Amino acid sequence: MSAEATESRSEPGIRLVAGPELTMLEVRKEDAVREFASDHQVEFKLNLGLNRLAPNVLGVELSVQITNLPGVTLAVAYRSVIEIDNPPVDPDALASALKQVGGRVAPSLMYPFIREALVSSLLRAQLPAFVPPIVNFANVFDLATLAVPEARQAGT
């Protein structure tokens, strides 16, 4: 590759195409919601879904489920579509970039919206609110085992 071609090709970047968009909000409370102690450990189940919309475009959905609050079930999901601008030509480098976006960047982008939806939903349902934890997504999803699907083919 010539020096001119190298200079004209900038580093890969990311562009938010769509979202974050709320895709699921479920709040169920029993008639007799039991109080829970202030030191009650709330269990969060994080789920991540990836859908490759084009060779350099990834649809990402992040959801959180809370099931161990007495008398309450909560679930929230957000999705985003993110494009890698100037994607790497090397397929392995592109796969690595998509894993970074899907496993770290997109969840970090969407999680504050999920936290807000959880707290707001509890307050609107007149339930005891708690502040969900801050999550560092650098260590949540193992990028080595994260599966990025193949790109969709036209007409499929």
C-alpha atoms as a PDB file:
ATOM      1  CA  MET A   1       0.000   0.000   0.000  1.00  0.00           C
ATOM      2  CA  SER A   2       1.455   3.386  -0.943  1.00  0.00           C
ATOM      3  CA  ALA A   3       2.017   6.164   1.576  1.00  0.00           C
ATOM      4  CA  GLU A   4      -0.765   8.198  -0.053  1.00  0.00           C
ATOM      5  CA  ALA A   5      -3.242   5.329   0.246  1.00  0.00           C
ATOM      6  CA  THR A   6      -2.251   4.803   3.872  1.00  0.00           C
ATOM      7  CA  GLU A   7      -2.761   8.483   4.674  1.00  0.00           C
ATOM      8  CA  SER A   8      -6.161   8.626   2.980  1.00  0.00           C
ATOM      9  CA  ARG A   9      -7.447   5.605   4.926  1.00  0.00           C
ATOM     10  CA  SER A  10      -8.290   6.792   8.409  1.00  0.00           C
ATOM     11  CA  GLU A  11      -8.528   4.636  11.506  1.00  0.00           C
ATOM     12  CA  PRO A  12     -11.726   2.661  12.072  1.00  0.00           C
ATOM     13  CA  GLY A  13     -14.368   4.472  14.067  1.00  0.00           C
ATOM     14  CA  ILE A  14     -17.905   3.778  15.149  1.00  0.00           C
ATOM     15  CA  ARG A  15     -21.160   5.490  14.289  1.00  0.00           C
ATOM     16  CA  LEU A  16     -24.454   5.054  16.086  1.00  0.00           C
ATOM     17  CA  VAL A  17     -27.015   4.289  13.364  1.00  0.00           C
ATOM     18  CA  ALA A  18     -30.075   3.746  15.587  1.00  0.00           C
ATOM     19  CA  GLY A  19     -30.952   3.748  19.258  1.00  0.00           C
ATOM     20  CA  PRO A  20     -30.603   3.247  22.066  1.00  0.00           C
ATOM     21  CA  GLU A  21     -34.243   2.204  21.741  1.00  0.00           C
ATOM     22  CA  LEU A  22     -36.396   0.622  24.438  1.00  0.00           C
ATOM     23  CA  THR A  23     -37.546  -2.786  23.178  1.00  0.00           C
ATOM     24  CA  MET A  24     -38.935  -4.325  26.368  1.00  0.00           C
ATOM     25  CA  LEU A  25     -40.153  -3.073  29.709  1.00  0.00           C
ATOM     26  CA  GLU A  26     -41.849  -5.533  32.011  1.00  0.00           C
ATOM     27  CA  VAL A  27     -42.883  -4.698  35.553  1.00  0.00           C
ATOM     28  CA  ARG A  28     -44.984  -7.238  37.409  1.00  0.00           C
ATOM     29  CA  LYS A  29     -45.938  -6.893  41.011  1.00  0.00           C
ATOM     30  CA  GLU A  30     -48.002  -9.191  43.162  1.00  0.00           C
ATOM     31  CA  ASP A  31     -50.979  -7.772  45.034  1.00  0.00           C
ATOM     32  CA  ALA A  32     -49.171  -8.113  48.336  1.00  0.00           C
ATOM     33  CA  VAL A  33     -45.672  -6.887  47.628  1.00  0.00           C
ATOM     34  CA  ARG A  34     -43.465  -7.774  50.538  1.00  0.00           C
ATOM     35  CA  GLU A  35     -40.944  -5.304  51.852  1.00  0.00           C
ATOM     36  CA  PHE A  36     -37.332  -6.234  51.432  1.00  0.00           C
ATOM     37  CA  ALA A  37     -34.461  -5.357  53.710  1.00  0.00           C
ATOM     38  CA  SER A  38     -32.206  -2.495  52.708  1.00  0.00           C
ATOM     39  CA  ASP A  39     -29.273  -4.916  52.604  1.00  0.00           C
ATOM     40  CA  HIS A  40     -31.145  -7.359  50.311  1.00  0.00           C
ATOM     41  CA  GLN A  41     -28.816  -8.422  47.488  1.00  0.00           C
ATOM     42  CA  VAL A  42     -30.591  -7.784  44.196  1.00  0.00           C
ATOM     43  CA  GLU A  43     -29.649 -10.272  41.481  1.00  0.00           C
ATOM     44  CA  PHE A  44     -29.167  -8.935  37.966  1.00  0.00           C
ATOM     45  CA  LYS A  45     -29.150 -11.158  34.908  1.00  0.00           C
ATOM     46  CA  LEU A  46     -27.488  -9.455  31.955  1.00  0.00           C
ATOM     47  CA  ASN A  47     -28.239 -10.839  28.506  1.00  0.00           C
ATOM     48  CA  LEU A  48     -26.571  -9.782  25.279  1.00  0.00           C
ATOM     49  CA  GLY A  49     -27.846 -10.436  21.767  1.00  0.00           C
ATOM     50  CA  LEU A  50     -25.886  -9.673  18.610  1.00  0.00           C
ATOM     51  CA  ASN A  51     -27.169  -9.563  15.044  1.00  0.00           C
ATOM     52  CA  ARG A  52     -24.853  -8.743  12.159  1.00  0.00           C
ATOM     53  CA  LEU A  53     -26.872  -6.612   9.761  1.00  0.00           C
ATOM     54  CA  ALA A  54     -24.067  -6.004   7.249  1.00  0.00           C
ATOM     55  CA  PRO A  55     -20.355  -6.839   7.159  1.00  0.00           C
ATOM     56  CA  ASN A  56     -19.558  -3.784   9.315  1.00  0.00           C
ATOM     57  CA  VAL A  57     -22.942  -3.171  11.029  1.00  0.00           C
ATOM     58  CA  LEU A  58     -24.012  -4.787  14.277  1.00  0.00           C
ATOM     59  CA  GLY A  59     -27.408  -4.824  15.959  1.00  0.00           C
ATOM     60  CA  VAL A  60     -27.012  -5.175  19.719  1.00  0.00           C
ATOM     61  CA  GLU A  61     -29.654  -5.818  22.369  1.00  0.00           C
ATOM     62  CA  LEU A  62     -28.849  -5.646  26.066  1.00  0.00           C
ATOM     63  CA  SER A  63     -31.376  -6.762  28.641  1.00  0.00           C
ATOM     64  CA  VAL A  64     -31.462  -6.913  32.413  1.00  0.00           C
ATOM     65  CA  GLN A  65     -33.774  -9.130  34.419  1.00  0.00           C
ATOM     66  CA  ILE A  66     -34.325  -8.850  38.142  1.00  0.00           C
ATOM     67  CA  THR A  67     -36.171 -11.784  39.630  1.00  0.00           C
ATOM     68  CA  ASN A  68     -35.302 -11.944  43.310  1.00  0.00           C
ATOM     69  CA  LEU A  69     -37.174  -8.909  44.621  1.00  0.00           C
ATOM     70  CA  PRO A  70     -40.021 -10.110  46.862  1.00  0.00           C
ATOM     71  CA  GLY A  71     -43.269  -9.820  44.879  1.00  0.00           C
ATOM     72  CA  VAL A  72     -41.722  -8.017  41.902  1.00  0.00           C
ATOM     73  CA  THR A  73     -40.392  -9.074  38.494  1.00  0.00           C
ATOM     74  CA  LEU A  74     -38.540  -6.543  36.343  1.00  0.00           C
ATOM     75  CA  ALA A  75     -37.091  -6.816  32.844  1.00  0.00           C
ATOM     76  CA  VAL A  76     -35.736  -4.082  30.582  1.00  0.00           C
ATOM     77  CA  ALA A  77     -34.104  -4.293  27.157  1.00  0.00           C
ATOM     78  CA  TYR A  78     -32.598  -1.698  24.848  1.00  0.00           C
ATOM     79  CA  ARG A  79     -31.159  -2.119  21.385  1.00  0.00           C
ATOM     80  CA  SER A  80     -28.856  -0.133  19.155  1.00  0.00           C
ATOM     81  CA  VAL A  81     -27.405  -0.421  15.686  1.00  0.00           C
ATOM     82  CA  ILE A  82     -23.743   0.507  15.373  1.00  0.00           C
ATOM     83  CA  GLU A  83     -21.631   0.789  12.235  1.00  0.00           C
ATOM     84  CA  ILE A  84     -17.855   0.550  12.032  1.00  0.00           C
ATOM     85  CA  ASP A  85     -16.665   3.336   9.736  1.00  0.00           C
ATOM     86  CA  ASN A  86     -13.553   2.571   7.681  1.00  0.00           C
ATOM     87  CA  PRO A  87     -13.669  -1.080   8.757  1.00  0.00           C
ATOM     88  CA  PRO A  88     -10.456  -3.085   8.764  1.00  0.00           C
ATOM     89  CA  VAL A  89      -9.865  -5.043   5.561  1.00  0.00           C
ATOM     90  CA  ASP A  90      -8.507  -8.050   7.450  1.00  0.00           C
ATOM     91  CA  PRO A  91     -11.444 -10.339   8.435  1.00  0.00           C
ATOM     92  CA  ASP A  92      -9.881 -11.155  11.825  1.00  0.00           C
ATOM     93  CA  ALA A  93      -9.381  -7.473  12.638  1.00  0.00           C
ATOM     94  CA  LEU A  94     -12.978  -6.746  11.621  1.00  0.00           C
ATOM     95  CA  ALA A  95     -14.260  -9.606  13.798  1.00  0.00           C
ATOM     96  CA  SER A  96     -12.236  -8.238  16.715  1.00  0.00           C
ATOM     97  CA  ALA A  97     -13.636  -4.733  16.176  1.00  0.00           C
ATOM     98  CA  LEU A  98     -17.197  -6.101  16.034  1.00  0.00           C
ATOM     99  CA  LYS A  99     -16.621  -7.999  19.283  1.00  0.00           C
ATOM    100  CA  GLN A 100     -15.363  -4.813  20.956  1.00  0.00           C
ATOM    101  CA  VAL A 101     -18.445  -2.934  19.773  1.00  0.00           C
ATOM    102  CA  GLY A 102     -20.868  -5.719  20.699  1.00  0.00           C
ATOM    103  CA  GLY A 103     -19.366  -6.721  24.018  1.00  0.00           C
ATOM    104  CA  ARG A 104     -18.111  -3.434  25.401  1.00  0.00           C
ATOM    105  CA  VAL A 105     -19.069  -0.258  23.541  1.00  0.00           C
ATOM    106  CA  ALA A 106     -22.770  -0.917  22.923  1.00  0.00           C
ATOM    107  CA  PRO A 107     -23.535  -2.277  26.420  1.00  0.00           C
ATOM    108  CA  SER A 108     -21.751   0.723  27.975  1.00  0.00           C
ATOM    109  CA  LEU A 109     -23.856   2.999  25.797  1.00  0.00           C
ATOM    110  CA  MET A 110     -27.196   1.340  26.622  1.00  0.00           C
ATOM    111  CA  TYR A 111     -26.812   0.455  30.303  1.00  0.00           C
ATOM    112  CA  PRO A 112     -27.466   3.984  31.657  1.00  0.00           C
ATOM    113  CA  PHE A 113     -30.822   3.909  29.850  1.00  0.00           C
ATOM    114  CA  ILE A 114     -31.583   0.534  31.437  1.00  0.00           C
ATOM    115  CA  ARG A 115     -30.702   1.848  34.904  1.00  0.00           C
ATOM    116  CA  GLU A 116     -33.010   4.819  34.425  1.00  0.00           C
ATOM    117  CA  ALA A 117     -35.859   2.612  33.180  1.00  0.00           C
ATOM    118  CA  LEU A 118     -35.508   0.289  36.192  1.00  0.00           C
ATOM    119  CA  VAL A 119     -35.550   3.082  38.776  1.00  0.00           C
ATOM    120  CA  SER A 120     -38.356   5.015  37.052  1.00  0.00           C
ATOM    121  CA  SER A 121     -40.486   1.882  36.722  1.00  0.00           C
ATOM    122  CA  LEU A 122     -40.127   1.025  40.398  1.00  0.00           C
ATOM    123  CA  LEU A 123     -41.065   4.554  41.430  1.00  0.00           C
ATOM    124  CA  ARG A 124     -44.074   4.710  39.079  1.00  0.00           C
ATOM    125  CA  ALA A 125     -45.287   1.348  40.397  1.00  0.00           C
ATOM    126  CA  GLN A 126     -44.957   2.784  43.919  1.00  0.00           C
ATOM    127  CA  LEU A 127     -42.428   0.153  44.850  1.00  0.00           C
ATOM    128  CA  PRO A 128     -39.299   0.568  46.944  1.00  0.00           C
ATOM    129  CA  ALA A 129     -36.631   1.823  44.585  1.00  0.00           C
ATOM    130  CA  PHE A 130     -32.977   0.885  44.583  1.00  0.00           C
ATOM    131  CA  VAL A 131     -30.113   2.141  42.495  1.00  0.00           C
ATOM    132  CA  PRO A 132     -28.780  -0.525  40.124  1.00  0.00           C
ATOM    133  CA  PRO A 133     -25.023  -0.985  40.237  1.00  0.00           C
ATOM    134  CA  ILE A 134     -22.556   0.712  37.975  1.00  0.00           C
ATOM    135  CA  VAL A 135     -21.156  -1.884  35.588  1.00  0.00           C
ATOM    136  CA  ASN A 136     -17.739  -1.853  33.945  1.00  0.00           C
ATOM    137  CA  PHE A 137     -18.351  -3.795  30.738  1.00  0.00           C
ATOM    138  CA  ALA A 138     -14.623  -4.309  30.178  1.00  0.00           C
ATOM    139  CA  ASN A 139     -14.909  -7.575  32.109  1.00  0.00           C
ATOM    140  CA  VAL A 140     -18.555  -8.632  31.774  1.00  0.00           C
ATOM    141  CA  PHE A 141     -18.590 -10.420  28.426  1.00  0.00           C
ATOM    142  CA  ASP A 142     -15.639 -12.583  27.404  1.00  0.00           C
ATOM    143  CA  LEU A 143     -14.655 -11.286  23.974  1.00  0.00           C
ATOM    144  CA  ALA A 144     -12.739 -14.489  23.241  1.00  0.00           C
ATOM    145  CA  THR A 145     -15.961 -16.508  23.370  1.00  0.00           C
ATOM    146  CA  LEU A 146     -18.389 -13.843  22.145  1.00  0.00           C
ATOM    147  CA  ALA A 147     -19.971 -15.048  18.903  1.00  0.00           C
ATOM    148  CA  VAL A 148     -20.565 -12.481  16.182  1.00  0.00           C
ATOM    149  CA  PRO A 149     -22.917 -13.928  13.551  1.00  0.00           C
ATOM    150  CA  GLU A 150     -22.103 -13.876   9.862  1.00  0.00           C
ATOM    151  CA  ALA A 151     -23.425 -10.924   7.862  1.00  0.00           C
ATOM    152  CA  ARG A 152     -26.839 -11.329   6.307  1.00  0.00           C
ATOM    153  CA  GLN A 153     -26.908 -11.934   2.584  1.00  0.00           C
ATOM    154  CA  ALA A 154     -29.160  -9.825   0.372  1.00  0.00           C
ATOM    155  CA  GLY A 155     -32.603 -11.363   0.009  1.00  0.00           C
ATOM    156  CA  THR A 156     -32.402 -13.527   3.149  1.00  0.00           C
END
